[in-house]
Amino acid sequence: MSEQTTEATPEAADAAGGVAGLDLKPALEAVLMVVDEPATEEQLAKILQRPRRRIADALRELADEYTVQGRGFELRLIAGGWRFYSRPEYAAAVEGFVLDGQHARLTQAALETLAVVAYRQPVSRSRVSAVRGVNCDGVMRTLLQRGLVEEAGAEPETGAILYVTTNYFLERMGLRGLDELPELAPFLPEAAAIEADTLEAVPSFDPDAPDPGEADDKTEL
């Protein structure tokens, strides 16, 4: 029996119990479209709430289907995990797109993200997103494609990939090294102004002042 007849539609999945009721192959495709690194069969089985063997079979079926259909991408098992890759025979098209993008101006979001990486490196995507207050996954992919940032190991505590700026970034910025990045202090509010704003919201307190209750007691006496 095919996956089509054994799995529920997305609408029926909500009534059937969420992720476990989703059609397996489309669910796999949706997850694999957003992974940053190859996803293992164990990870996918946990996320989609299916047996690992069933996940493995569906992945291989998808990979075979893409090959038979002559798609411009393929599903590969690399380093113990699965991920989408463009097919080598279409490398010229991909290269043309990437190179064309390198001549386009960076968006404001890309410039802000690049600034966070430059001043906080090495830094993970999640930390960059926390600083900017918005998700920056798409922007980081653009900066990687442009060659302005690159991966630099993983964060020991979380295993998250860390990013740093590249020599190409220095070249484009006209810098000999990161020590030539302009100081951030001149672009920040004066410390006195920040302190004043903070104190406005904090009631004053004099440790030597008598307790209000004490004063009332003395008055009554």
N, C-alpha and C. Protein backbone atom coordinates (compact mmCIF):
# COMPACT_ATOMS: atom_id res chain seq x y z
N MET A 1 0.85 -1.19 0.00
CA MET A 1 0.00 0.00 0.00
C MET A 1 0.88 1.23 0.00
N SER A 2 0.54 2.25 -0.77
CA SER A 2 1.38 3.43 -0.90
C SER A 2 1.22 4.36 0.28
N GLU A 3 2.18 5.32 0.40
CA GLU A 3 2.11 6.32 1.46
C GLU A 3 0.84 7.16 1.31
N GLN A 4 0.42 7.37 0.04
CA GLN A 4 -0.72 8.22 -0.24
C GLN A 4 -1.99 7.69 0.43
N THR A 5 -2.12 6.37 0.47
CA THR A 5 -3.34 5.79 1.01
C THR A 5 -3.25 5.51 2.50
N THR A 6 -2.02 5.45 3.04
CA THR A 6 -1.88 5.12 4.45
C THR A 6 -1.75 6.36 5.32
N GLU A 7 -1.44 7.53 4.72
CA GLU A 7 -1.24 8.73 5.51
C GLU A 7 -2.43 9.68 5.39
N ALA A 8 -2.57 10.54 6.37
CA ALA A 8 -3.68 11.49 6.37
C ALA A 8 -3.27 12.80 5.72
N THR A 9 -4.27 13.58 5.34
CA THR A 9 -4.02 14.92 4.81
C THR A 9 -3.64 15.83 5.97
N PRO A 10 -3.00 17.02 5.70
CA PRO A 10 -2.65 17.93 6.79
C PRO A 10 -3.86 18.33 7.62
N GLU A 11 -5.04 18.51 6.97
CA GLU A 11 -6.22 18.89 7.72
C GLU A 11 -6.65 17.76 8.67
N ALA A 12 -6.59 16.53 8.15
CA ALA A 12 -6.99 15.40 8.98
C ALA A 12 -5.97 15.13 10.07
N ALA A 13 -4.72 15.57 9.84
CA ALA A 13 -3.66 15.31 10.82
C ALA A 13 -3.97 15.98 12.15
N ASP A 14 -4.55 17.20 12.11
CA ASP A 14 -4.86 17.91 13.35
C ASP A 14 -5.82 17.09 14.21
N ALA A 15 -6.80 16.49 13.54
CA ALA A 15 -7.77 15.68 14.27
C ALA A 15 -7.17 14.35 14.69
N ALA A 16 -6.16 13.87 13.95
CA ALA A 16 -5.58 12.55 14.23
C ALA A 16 -4.42 12.61 15.20
N GLY A 17 -4.01 13.79 15.62
CA GLY A 17 -2.94 13.86 16.62
C GLY A 17 -1.70 14.59 16.18
N GLY A 18 -1.80 15.58 15.30
CA GLY A 18 -0.67 16.43 14.95
C GLY A 18 0.33 15.79 14.03
N VAL A 19 1.63 15.92 14.37
CA VAL A 19 2.72 15.50 13.50
C VAL A 19 2.61 14.04 13.09
N ALA A 20 2.25 13.18 14.01
CA ALA A 20 2.17 11.74 13.71
C ALA A 20 1.15 11.43 12.63
N GLY A 21 0.18 12.33 12.40
CA GLY A 21 -0.82 12.08 11.40
C GLY A 21 -0.54 12.68 10.04
N LEU A 22 0.60 13.40 9.91
CA LEU A 22 0.94 14.02 8.63
C LEU A 22 1.42 13.00 7.60
N ASP A 23 1.17 13.30 6.34
CA ASP A 23 1.70 12.48 5.25
C ASP A 23 3.22 12.50 5.35
N LEU A 24 3.85 11.34 5.40
CA LEU A 24 5.26 11.24 5.77
C LEU A 24 6.21 11.92 4.79
N LYS A 25 6.07 11.65 3.50
CA LYS A 25 7.03 12.18 2.54
C LYS A 25 7.00 13.72 2.45
N PRO A 26 5.81 14.34 2.33
CA PRO A 26 5.79 15.80 2.35
C PRO A 26 6.33 16.39 3.65
N ALA A 27 6.09 15.71 4.77
CA ALA A 27 6.60 16.19 6.06
C ALA A 27 8.12 16.15 6.07
N LEU A 28 8.69 15.07 5.53
CA LEU A 28 10.15 14.97 5.44
C LEU A 28 10.71 16.09 4.57
N GLU A 29 10.06 16.34 3.43
CA GLU A 29 10.52 17.39 2.53
C GLU A 29 10.49 18.75 3.21
N ALA A 30 9.42 19.01 3.95
CA ALA A 30 9.27 20.30 4.64
C ALA A 30 10.39 20.51 5.66
N VAL A 31 10.70 19.48 6.42
CA VAL A 31 11.75 19.59 7.44
C VAL A 31 13.12 19.75 6.79
N LEU A 32 13.40 18.93 5.77
CA LEU A 32 14.71 18.96 5.13
C LEU A 32 14.96 20.27 4.38
N MET A 33 13.90 21.01 4.05
CA MET A 33 14.08 22.28 3.37
C MET A 33 14.70 23.33 4.28
N VAL A 34 14.60 23.16 5.59
CA VAL A 34 15.05 24.21 6.51
C VAL A 34 16.23 23.79 7.40
N VAL A 35 16.76 22.58 7.21
CA VAL A 35 17.88 22.15 8.06
C VAL A 35 19.16 22.89 7.67
N ASP A 36 20.00 23.17 8.67
CA ASP A 36 21.28 23.83 8.43
C ASP A 36 22.40 22.82 8.18
N GLU A 37 22.18 21.61 8.62
CA GLU A 37 23.16 20.54 8.43
C GLU A 37 22.41 19.23 8.26
N PRO A 38 23.06 18.19 7.70
CA PRO A 38 22.36 16.93 7.46
C PRO A 38 21.62 16.42 8.69
N ALA A 39 20.37 16.03 8.50
CA ALA A 39 19.54 15.53 9.60
C ALA A 39 19.60 14.01 9.63
N THR A 40 19.84 13.44 10.79
CA THR A 40 19.93 11.99 10.90
C THR A 40 18.54 11.36 10.90
N GLU A 41 18.50 10.07 10.60
CA GLU A 41 17.23 9.36 10.59
C GLU A 41 16.62 9.34 11.99
N GLU A 42 17.46 9.28 13.01
CA GLU A 42 16.97 9.28 14.38
C GLU A 42 16.30 10.61 14.72
N GLN A 43 16.92 11.73 14.29
CA GLN A 43 16.32 13.05 14.53
C GLN A 43 14.97 13.18 13.85
N LEU A 44 14.92 12.76 12.59
CA LEU A 44 13.68 12.86 11.82
C LEU A 44 12.59 11.96 12.40
N ALA A 45 12.99 10.77 12.87
CA ALA A 45 12.03 9.85 13.47
C ALA A 45 11.43 10.45 14.73
N LYS A 46 12.26 11.12 15.51
CA LYS A 46 11.78 11.75 16.75
C LYS A 46 10.84 12.90 16.45
N ILE A 47 11.22 13.76 15.47
CA ILE A 47 10.41 14.93 15.13
C ILE A 47 9.07 14.52 14.54
N LEU A 48 9.11 13.55 13.63
CA LEU A 48 7.88 13.14 12.93
C LEU A 48 7.14 12.00 13.60
N GLN A 49 7.70 11.52 14.72
CA GLN A 49 7.02 10.50 15.54
C GLN A 49 6.71 9.23 14.75
N ARG A 50 7.73 8.74 14.04
CA ARG A 50 7.60 7.49 13.27
C ARG A 50 8.78 6.58 13.60
N PRO A 51 8.68 5.29 13.31
CA PRO A 51 9.81 4.38 13.50
C PRO A 51 10.97 4.78 12.58
N ARG A 52 12.21 4.62 13.07
CA ARG A 52 13.37 5.01 12.28
C ARG A 52 13.42 4.27 10.95
N ARG A 53 13.06 3.01 10.95
CA ARG A 53 13.10 2.21 9.72
C ARG A 53 12.15 2.78 8.66
N ARG A 54 11.00 3.22 9.11
CA ARG A 54 10.04 3.78 8.16
C ARG A 54 10.57 5.09 7.57
N ILE A 55 11.23 5.88 8.42
CA ILE A 55 11.84 7.14 7.96
C ILE A 55 12.91 6.84 6.92
N ALA A 56 13.77 5.86 7.20
CA ALA A 56 14.86 5.50 6.29
C ALA A 56 14.32 5.05 4.93
N ASP A 57 13.28 4.23 4.94
CA ASP A 57 12.69 3.76 3.68
C ASP A 57 12.10 4.92 2.88
N ALA A 58 11.41 5.83 3.56
CA ALA A 58 10.78 6.96 2.87
C ALA A 58 11.85 7.89 2.27
N LEU A 59 12.94 8.09 2.98
CA LEU A 59 14.02 8.94 2.48
C LEU A 59 14.64 8.37 1.21
N ARG A 60 14.88 7.07 1.21
CA ARG A 60 15.47 6.43 0.02
C ARG A 60 14.49 6.44 -1.16
N GLU A 61 13.21 6.30 -0.85
CA GLU A 61 12.21 6.37 -1.92
C GLU A 61 12.18 7.77 -2.53
N LEU A 62 12.24 8.79 -1.68
CA LEU A 62 12.26 10.17 -2.17
C LEU A 62 13.48 10.42 -3.04
N ALA A 63 14.66 9.95 -2.57
CA ALA A 63 15.89 10.14 -3.33
C ALA A 63 15.78 9.50 -4.71
N ASP A 64 15.21 8.30 -4.77
CA ASP A 64 15.03 7.60 -6.06
C ASP A 64 14.03 8.35 -6.95
N GLU A 65 12.97 8.87 -6.36
CA GLU A 65 11.96 9.60 -7.13
C GLU A 65 12.55 10.84 -7.77
N TYR A 66 13.37 11.58 -7.01
CA TYR A 66 13.98 12.80 -7.56
C TYR A 66 14.90 12.47 -8.73
N THR A 67 15.62 11.35 -8.62
CA THR A 67 16.53 10.95 -9.69
C THR A 67 15.75 10.56 -10.94
N VAL A 68 14.70 9.78 -10.77
CA VAL A 68 13.88 9.34 -11.91
C VAL A 68 13.22 10.54 -12.58
N GLN A 69 12.78 11.51 -11.80
CA GLN A 69 12.10 12.69 -12.34
C GLN A 69 13.07 13.70 -12.96
N GLY A 70 14.37 13.49 -12.76
CA GLY A 70 15.36 14.41 -13.32
C GLY A 70 15.33 15.78 -12.67
N ARG A 71 15.05 15.85 -11.38
CA ARG A 71 15.01 17.13 -10.67
C ARG A 71 16.38 17.80 -10.64
N GLY A 72 16.39 19.11 -10.41
CA GLY A 72 17.65 19.84 -10.35
C GLY A 72 18.33 19.71 -9.00
N PHE A 73 17.69 19.02 -8.08
CA PHE A 73 18.27 18.78 -6.76
C PHE A 73 18.20 17.29 -6.46
N GLU A 74 18.94 16.89 -5.45
CA GLU A 74 18.92 15.48 -5.03
C GLU A 74 18.97 15.41 -3.51
N LEU A 75 18.53 14.28 -2.99
CA LEU A 75 18.54 14.04 -1.56
C LEU A 75 19.68 13.07 -1.28
N ARG A 76 20.67 13.53 -0.53
CA ARG A 76 21.86 12.70 -0.28
C ARG A 76 22.00 12.34 1.18
N LEU A 77 22.59 11.17 1.41
CA LEU A 77 22.99 10.74 2.75
C LEU A 77 24.46 11.11 2.90
N ILE A 78 24.73 12.13 3.68
CA ILE A 78 26.09 12.65 3.87
C ILE A 78 26.41 12.75 5.35
N ALA A 79 27.56 12.22 5.76
CA ALA A 79 28.02 12.31 7.15
C ALA A 79 26.96 11.85 8.14
N GLY A 80 26.26 10.77 7.79
CA GLY A 80 25.28 10.19 8.70
C GLY A 80 23.93 10.87 8.70
N GLY A 81 23.73 11.86 7.82
CA GLY A 81 22.45 12.57 7.80
C GLY A 81 22.00 12.87 6.38
N TRP A 82 20.75 13.30 6.25
CA TRP A 82 20.15 13.58 4.94
C TRP A 82 19.96 15.08 4.74
N ARG A 83 20.21 15.50 3.47
CA ARG A 83 20.05 16.93 3.15
C ARG A 83 19.88 17.10 1.65
N PHE A 84 19.17 18.16 1.25
CA PHE A 84 19.02 18.47 -0.17
C PHE A 84 20.28 19.14 -0.71
N TYR A 85 20.67 18.78 -1.92
CA TYR A 85 21.81 19.41 -2.60
C TYR A 85 21.43 19.62 -4.07
N SER A 86 21.98 20.67 -4.69
CA SER A 86 21.76 20.85 -6.13
C SER A 86 22.60 19.82 -6.87
N ARG A 87 22.10 19.37 -8.02
CA ARG A 87 22.83 18.35 -8.78
C ARG A 87 24.05 18.96 -9.46
N PRO A 88 25.16 18.21 -9.50
CA PRO A 88 26.41 18.73 -10.09
C PRO A 88 26.25 19.22 -11.53
N GLU A 89 25.38 18.58 -12.31
CA GLU A 89 25.22 18.97 -13.72
C GLU A 89 24.60 20.35 -13.87
N TYR A 90 24.03 20.89 -12.77
CA TYR A 90 23.44 22.24 -12.83
C TYR A 90 24.29 23.25 -12.07
N ALA A 91 25.54 22.90 -11.85
CA ALA A 91 26.44 23.78 -11.09
C ALA A 91 26.61 25.14 -11.76
N ALA A 92 26.62 25.16 -13.09
CA ALA A 92 26.81 26.43 -13.81
C ALA A 92 25.68 27.41 -13.51
N ALA A 93 24.45 26.90 -13.43
CA ALA A 93 23.30 27.76 -13.14
C ALA A 93 23.38 28.30 -11.72
N VAL A 94 23.75 27.43 -10.77
CA VAL A 94 23.88 27.86 -9.38
C VAL A 94 24.99 28.88 -9.23
N GLU A 95 26.12 28.62 -9.89
CA GLU A 95 27.25 29.53 -9.81
C GLU A 95 26.88 30.91 -10.37
N GLY A 96 26.13 30.91 -11.48
CA GLY A 96 25.71 32.18 -12.06
C GLY A 96 24.83 32.96 -11.13
N PHE A 97 23.92 32.27 -10.44
CA PHE A 97 23.02 32.94 -9.49
C PHE A 97 23.80 33.51 -8.31
N VAL A 98 24.72 32.73 -7.76
CA VAL A 98 25.50 33.18 -6.60
C VAL A 98 26.38 34.37 -6.97
N LEU A 99 27.06 34.27 -8.10
CA LEU A 99 27.94 35.36 -8.50
C LEU A 99 27.16 36.63 -8.81
N ASP A 100 25.98 36.48 -9.40
CA ASP A 100 25.15 37.65 -9.68
C ASP A 100 24.71 38.30 -8.38
N GLY A 101 24.41 37.47 -7.38
CA GLY A 101 23.98 38.01 -6.09
C GLY A 101 25.08 38.76 -5.38
N GLN A 102 26.35 38.39 -5.67
CA GLN A 102 27.46 39.05 -5.00
C GLN A 102 27.62 40.50 -5.45
N HIS A 103 27.05 40.84 -6.60
CA HIS A 103 27.17 42.21 -7.09
C HIS A 103 25.99 43.08 -6.66
N ALA A 104 24.96 42.44 -6.09
CA ALA A 104 23.80 43.19 -5.63
C ALA A 104 24.11 43.83 -4.28
N ARG A 105 23.42 44.92 -3.98
CA ARG A 105 23.63 45.60 -2.71
C ARG A 105 23.02 44.79 -1.57
N LEU A 106 23.67 44.83 -0.42
CA LEU A 106 23.14 44.14 0.75
C LEU A 106 21.94 44.90 1.30
N THR A 107 20.95 44.17 1.77
CA THR A 107 19.78 44.80 2.39
C THR A 107 20.16 45.33 3.77
N GLN A 108 19.28 46.15 4.33
CA GLN A 108 19.52 46.68 5.68
C GLN A 108 19.63 45.54 6.68
N ALA A 109 18.78 44.52 6.52
CA ALA A 109 18.82 43.38 7.44
C ALA A 109 20.16 42.66 7.35
N ALA A 110 20.68 42.51 6.12
CA ALA A 110 21.97 41.84 5.94
C ALA A 110 23.10 42.65 6.56
N LEU A 111 23.05 43.96 6.39
CA LEU A 111 24.09 44.83 6.97
C LEU A 111 24.07 44.76 8.50
N GLU A 112 22.87 44.76 9.07
CA GLU A 112 22.77 44.68 10.53
C GLU A 112 23.30 43.34 11.04
N THR A 113 22.94 42.26 10.35
CA THR A 113 23.40 40.92 10.74
C THR A 113 24.91 40.83 10.61
N LEU A 114 25.46 41.35 9.54
CA LEU A 114 26.90 41.33 9.32
C LEU A 114 27.62 42.11 10.42
N ALA A 115 27.04 43.22 10.84
CA ALA A 115 27.65 44.02 11.91
C ALA A 115 27.68 43.23 13.22
N VAL A 116 26.61 42.51 13.52
CA VAL A 116 26.57 41.71 14.75
C VAL A 116 27.65 40.64 14.72
N VAL A 117 27.78 39.96 13.58
CA VAL A 117 28.81 38.92 13.46
C VAL A 117 30.20 39.54 13.61
N ALA A 118 30.42 40.68 12.96
CA ALA A 118 31.74 41.32 12.99
C ALA A 118 32.16 41.69 14.40
N TYR A 119 31.23 42.19 15.21
CA TYR A 119 31.58 42.67 16.55
C TYR A 119 31.44 41.61 17.63
N ARG A 120 30.70 40.52 17.35
CA ARG A 120 30.49 39.51 18.39
C ARG A 120 31.13 38.17 18.06
N GLN A 121 31.85 38.07 16.95
CA GLN A 121 32.40 36.78 16.51
C GLN A 121 33.41 36.20 17.48
N PRO A 122 33.47 34.83 17.55
CA PRO A 122 32.58 33.88 16.85
C PRO A 122 31.22 33.85 17.52
N VAL A 123 30.17 33.75 16.71
CA VAL A 123 28.81 33.86 17.25
C VAL A 123 27.89 32.90 16.50
N SER A 124 26.90 32.37 17.19
CA SER A 124 25.93 31.45 16.57
C SER A 124 24.76 32.22 15.98
N ARG A 125 24.01 31.56 15.12
CA ARG A 125 22.84 32.20 14.52
C ARG A 125 21.83 32.62 15.58
N SER A 126 21.64 31.76 16.58
CA SER A 126 20.64 32.07 17.60
C SER A 126 21.01 33.33 18.37
N ARG A 127 22.31 33.52 18.62
CA ARG A 127 22.74 34.71 19.35
C ARG A 127 22.59 35.96 18.48
N VAL A 128 22.87 35.82 17.18
CA VAL A 128 22.67 36.95 16.27
C VAL A 128 21.20 37.32 16.24
N SER A 129 20.34 36.31 16.17
CA SER A 129 18.89 36.56 16.16
C SER A 129 18.45 37.24 17.45
N ALA A 130 19.06 36.83 18.57
CA ALA A 130 18.69 37.42 19.86
C ALA A 130 19.08 38.90 19.90
N VAL A 131 20.24 39.23 19.35
CA VAL A 131 20.69 40.63 19.34
C VAL A 131 19.79 41.48 18.46
N ARG A 132 19.42 40.94 17.29
CA ARG A 132 18.60 41.71 16.34
C ARG A 132 17.12 41.66 16.68
N GLY A 133 16.70 40.65 17.43
CA GLY A 133 15.30 40.55 17.80
C GLY A 133 14.43 39.92 16.73
N VAL A 134 15.04 39.38 15.67
CA VAL A 134 14.30 38.69 14.60
C VAL A 134 15.10 37.49 14.12
N ASN A 135 14.42 36.54 13.49
CA ASN A 135 15.12 35.38 12.93
C ASN A 135 16.02 35.82 11.79
N CYS A 136 17.26 35.33 11.77
CA CYS A 136 18.22 35.78 10.76
C CYS A 136 18.76 34.63 9.90
N ASP A 137 18.08 33.49 9.89
CA ASP A 137 18.58 32.33 9.15
C ASP A 137 18.76 32.63 7.66
N GLY A 138 17.75 33.24 7.05
CA GLY A 138 17.84 33.54 5.62
C GLY A 138 18.94 34.52 5.31
N VAL A 139 19.09 35.54 6.16
CA VAL A 139 20.12 36.55 5.96
C VAL A 139 21.51 35.94 6.11
N MET A 140 21.67 35.03 7.07
CA MET A 140 22.96 34.38 7.27
C MET A 140 23.34 33.54 6.05
N ARG A 141 22.34 32.89 5.45
CA ARG A 141 22.63 32.11 4.24
C ARG A 141 23.12 33.02 3.12
N THR A 142 22.52 34.21 3.02
CA THR A 142 22.95 35.18 2.01
C THR A 142 24.40 35.60 2.25
N LEU A 143 24.74 35.88 3.49
CA LEU A 143 26.11 36.31 3.83
C LEU A 143 27.11 35.19 3.56
N LEU A 144 26.68 33.95 3.81
CA LEU A 144 27.55 32.80 3.51
C LEU A 144 27.77 32.69 2.01
N GLN A 145 26.70 32.85 1.23
CA GLN A 145 26.81 32.77 -0.22
C GLN A 145 27.71 33.87 -0.77
N ARG A 146 27.64 35.03 -0.15
CA ARG A 146 28.46 36.16 -0.60
C ARG A 146 29.93 36.02 -0.18
N GLY A 147 30.19 35.06 0.69
CA GLY A 147 31.57 34.87 1.15
C GLY A 147 31.99 35.87 2.21
N LEU A 148 31.02 36.54 2.85
CA LEU A 148 31.33 37.55 3.86
C LEU A 148 31.48 36.95 5.25
N VAL A 149 30.83 35.81 5.48
CA VAL A 149 31.00 35.10 6.75
C VAL A 149 31.25 33.63 6.43
N GLU A 150 31.77 32.91 7.41
CA GLU A 150 32.04 31.48 7.23
C GLU A 150 31.88 30.76 8.56
N GLU A 151 31.72 29.44 8.49
CA GLU A 151 31.60 28.64 9.70
C GLU A 151 32.96 28.51 10.38
N ALA A 152 32.94 28.49 11.72
CA ALA A 152 34.20 28.41 12.47
C ALA A 152 34.02 27.53 13.70
N GLY A 153 33.68 26.27 13.48
CA GLY A 153 33.54 25.34 14.59
C GLY A 153 32.17 25.40 15.22
N ALA A 154 32.07 24.84 16.43
CA ALA A 154 30.79 24.77 17.13
C ALA A 154 30.94 25.25 18.56
N GLU A 155 29.84 25.74 19.11
CA GLU A 155 29.80 26.21 20.49
C GLU A 155 29.85 25.00 21.42
N PRO A 156 30.82 24.92 22.34
CA PRO A 156 30.97 23.74 23.20
C PRO A 156 29.71 23.40 23.99
N GLU A 157 29.03 24.43 24.52
CA GLU A 157 27.88 24.17 25.39
C GLU A 157 26.68 23.62 24.63
N THR A 158 26.39 24.17 23.44
CA THR A 158 25.17 23.83 22.72
C THR A 158 25.39 23.04 21.44
N GLY A 159 26.63 23.08 20.90
CA GLY A 159 26.89 22.42 19.63
C GLY A 159 26.46 23.25 18.43
N ALA A 160 25.98 24.47 18.69
CA ALA A 160 25.54 25.35 17.60
C ALA A 160 26.75 25.79 16.76
N ILE A 161 26.55 25.91 15.45
CA ILE A 161 27.61 26.34 14.55
C ILE A 161 27.95 27.80 14.81
N LEU A 162 29.23 28.11 14.87
CA LEU A 162 29.69 29.48 15.09
C LEU A 162 30.13 30.10 13.77
N TYR A 163 29.96 31.40 13.65
CA TYR A 163 30.29 32.12 12.42
C TYR A 163 31.25 33.27 12.70
N VAL A 164 32.13 33.51 11.74
CA VAL A 164 33.07 34.63 11.80
C VAL A 164 33.09 35.31 10.43
N THR A 165 33.62 36.52 10.40
CA THR A 165 33.77 37.20 9.12
C THR A 165 35.00 36.65 8.39
N THR A 166 35.06 36.87 7.08
CA THR A 166 36.12 36.31 6.24
C THR A 166 37.12 37.38 5.82
N ASN A 167 38.18 36.93 5.17
CA ASN A 167 39.15 37.88 4.62
C ASN A 167 38.51 38.73 3.52
N TYR A 168 37.53 38.13 2.83
CA TYR A 168 36.83 38.88 1.79
C TYR A 168 36.06 40.05 2.40
N PHE A 169 35.52 39.82 3.61
CA PHE A 169 34.83 40.90 4.33
C PHE A 169 35.80 42.04 4.61
N LEU A 170 36.99 41.70 5.09
CA LEU A 170 37.99 42.73 5.37
C LEU A 170 38.36 43.48 4.10
N GLU A 171 38.51 42.72 3.01
CA GLU A 171 38.86 43.33 1.73
C GLU A 171 37.79 44.32 1.27
N ARG A 172 36.52 43.90 1.38
CA ARG A 172 35.43 44.77 0.94
C ARG A 172 35.28 45.99 1.84
N MET A 173 35.64 45.84 3.12
CA MET A 173 35.53 46.94 4.07
C MET A 173 36.77 47.83 4.06
N GLY A 174 37.82 47.38 3.35
CA GLY A 174 39.06 48.15 3.31
C GLY A 174 39.82 48.12 4.61
N LEU A 175 39.74 47.00 5.32
CA LEU A 175 40.40 46.85 6.61
C LEU A 175 41.56 45.86 6.52
N ARG A 176 42.59 46.10 7.30
CA ARG A 176 43.71 45.16 7.35
C ARG A 176 43.47 44.08 8.39
N GLY A 177 42.61 44.35 9.35
CA GLY A 177 42.30 43.38 10.39
C GLY A 177 41.09 43.83 11.17
N LEU A 178 40.56 42.95 12.01
CA LEU A 178 39.36 43.26 12.79
C LEU A 178 39.63 44.36 13.81
N ASP A 179 40.89 44.55 14.18
CA ASP A 179 41.21 45.60 15.14
C ASP A 179 40.99 46.99 14.55
N GLU A 180 40.78 47.07 13.24
CA GLU A 180 40.52 48.36 12.61
C GLU A 180 39.03 48.67 12.48
N LEU A 181 38.19 47.76 12.98
CA LEU A 181 36.76 48.06 13.00
C LEU A 181 36.53 49.30 13.86
N PRO A 182 35.65 50.20 13.43
CA PRO A 182 35.41 51.42 14.23
C PRO A 182 34.83 51.08 15.59
N GLU A 183 35.17 51.90 16.59
CA GLU A 183 34.64 51.70 17.94
C GLU A 183 33.14 51.92 17.93
N LEU A 184 32.43 51.12 18.72
CA LEU A 184 30.99 51.29 18.80
C LEU A 184 30.60 52.43 19.72
N ALA A 185 31.45 52.76 20.68
CA ALA A 185 31.11 53.77 21.69
C ALA A 185 30.61 55.09 21.12
N PRO A 186 31.25 55.67 20.07
CA PRO A 186 30.78 56.96 19.56
C PRO A 186 29.36 56.92 19.02
N PHE A 187 28.85 55.73 18.70
CA PHE A 187 27.51 55.62 18.13
C PHE A 187 26.46 55.25 19.17
N LEU A 188 26.90 55.11 20.45
CA LEU A 188 25.97 54.78 21.52
C LEU A 188 25.62 56.02 22.32
N PRO A 189 24.47 56.05 23.02
CA PRO A 189 24.11 57.19 23.86
C PRO A 189 25.14 57.40 24.95
N GLU A 190 25.29 58.63 25.42
CA GLU A 190 26.22 58.91 26.51
C GLU A 190 25.81 58.13 27.76
N ALA A 191 26.82 57.68 28.52
CA ALA A 191 26.54 56.90 29.72
C ALA A 191 25.68 57.69 30.69
N ALA A 192 25.93 59.02 30.81
CA ALA A 192 25.16 59.85 31.73
C ALA A 192 23.69 59.88 31.34
N ALA A 193 23.45 59.93 30.03
CA ALA A 193 22.06 59.99 29.55
C ALA A 193 21.35 58.68 29.87
N ILE A 194 22.07 57.55 29.67
CA ILE A 194 21.48 56.25 29.97
C ILE A 194 21.17 56.15 31.46
N GLU A 195 22.11 56.64 32.30
CA GLU A 195 21.93 56.57 33.74
C GLU A 195 20.75 57.43 34.17
N ALA A 196 20.63 58.62 33.56
CA ALA A 196 19.53 59.51 33.91
C ALA A 196 18.19 58.88 33.57
N ASP A 197 18.12 58.26 32.38
CA ASP A 197 16.87 57.61 31.97
C ASP A 197 16.52 56.47 32.92
N THR A 198 17.56 55.77 33.37
CA THR A 198 17.33 54.65 34.28
C THR A 198 16.84 55.12 35.64
N LEU A 199 17.46 56.21 36.13
CA LEU A 199 17.12 56.72 37.45
C LEU A 199 15.70 57.28 37.51
N GLU A 200 15.20 57.77 36.37
CA GLU A 200 13.85 58.33 36.33
C GLU A 200 12.81 57.30 36.73
N ALA A 201 13.11 56.05 36.41
CA ALA A 201 12.14 54.98 36.70
C ALA A 201 12.38 54.33 38.05
N VAL A 202 13.45 54.80 38.79
CA VAL A 202 13.79 54.19 40.07
C VAL A 202 13.57 55.20 41.18
N PRO A 203 12.73 54.90 42.17
CA PRO A 203 12.50 55.86 43.27
C PRO A 203 13.77 56.06 44.07
N SER A 204 14.00 57.32 44.52
CA SER A 204 15.20 57.63 45.30
C SER A 204 15.09 57.00 46.67
N PHE A 205 16.24 56.72 47.27
CA PHE A 205 16.25 56.06 48.57
C PHE A 205 17.42 56.59 49.37
N ASP A 206 17.13 57.14 50.54
CA ASP A 206 18.16 57.66 51.42
C ASP A 206 18.26 56.75 52.63
N PRO A 207 19.39 56.03 52.77
CA PRO A 207 19.50 55.06 53.87
C PRO A 207 19.46 55.71 55.24
N ASP A 208 19.80 57.03 55.34
CA ASP A 208 19.83 57.71 56.63
C ASP A 208 18.49 58.35 56.99
N ALA A 209 17.55 58.36 56.04
CA ALA A 209 16.26 58.99 56.31
C ALA A 209 15.47 58.14 57.28
N PRO A 210 14.71 58.77 58.20
CA PRO A 210 13.92 57.99 59.18
C PRO A 210 12.80 57.25 58.50
N ASP A 211 12.44 56.14 59.05
CA ASP A 211 11.34 55.35 58.51
C ASP A 211 10.05 56.15 58.66
N PRO A 212 9.21 56.19 57.62
CA PRO A 212 7.96 56.97 57.69
C PRO A 212 7.11 56.59 58.88
N GLY A 213 7.09 55.33 59.20
CA GLY A 213 6.29 54.89 60.34
C GLY A 213 6.83 55.43 61.64
N GLU A 214 8.21 55.52 61.70
CA GLU A 214 8.87 56.05 62.88
C GLU A 214 8.46 57.48 63.12
N ALA A 215 8.48 58.29 62.02
CA ALA A 215 8.15 59.71 62.11
C ALA A 215 6.73 59.89 62.61
N ASP A 216 5.82 59.06 62.13
CA ASP A 216 4.42 59.16 62.55
C ASP A 216 4.28 58.88 64.02
N ASP A 217 5.07 57.85 64.49
CA ASP A 217 5.02 57.49 65.91
C ASP A 217 5.45 58.65 66.78
N LYS A 218 6.56 59.33 66.34
CA LYS A 218 7.10 60.43 67.14
C LYS A 218 6.12 61.59 67.19
N THR A 219 5.41 61.82 66.10
CA THR A 219 4.44 62.91 66.04
C THR A 219 3.31 62.66 67.02
N GLU A 220 2.88 61.41 67.09
CA GLU A 220 1.78 61.07 67.99
C GLU A 220 2.19 61.25 69.42
N LEU A 221 3.49 60.95 69.71
CA LEU A 221 3.97 61.13 71.08
C LEU A 221 4.01 62.61 71.43
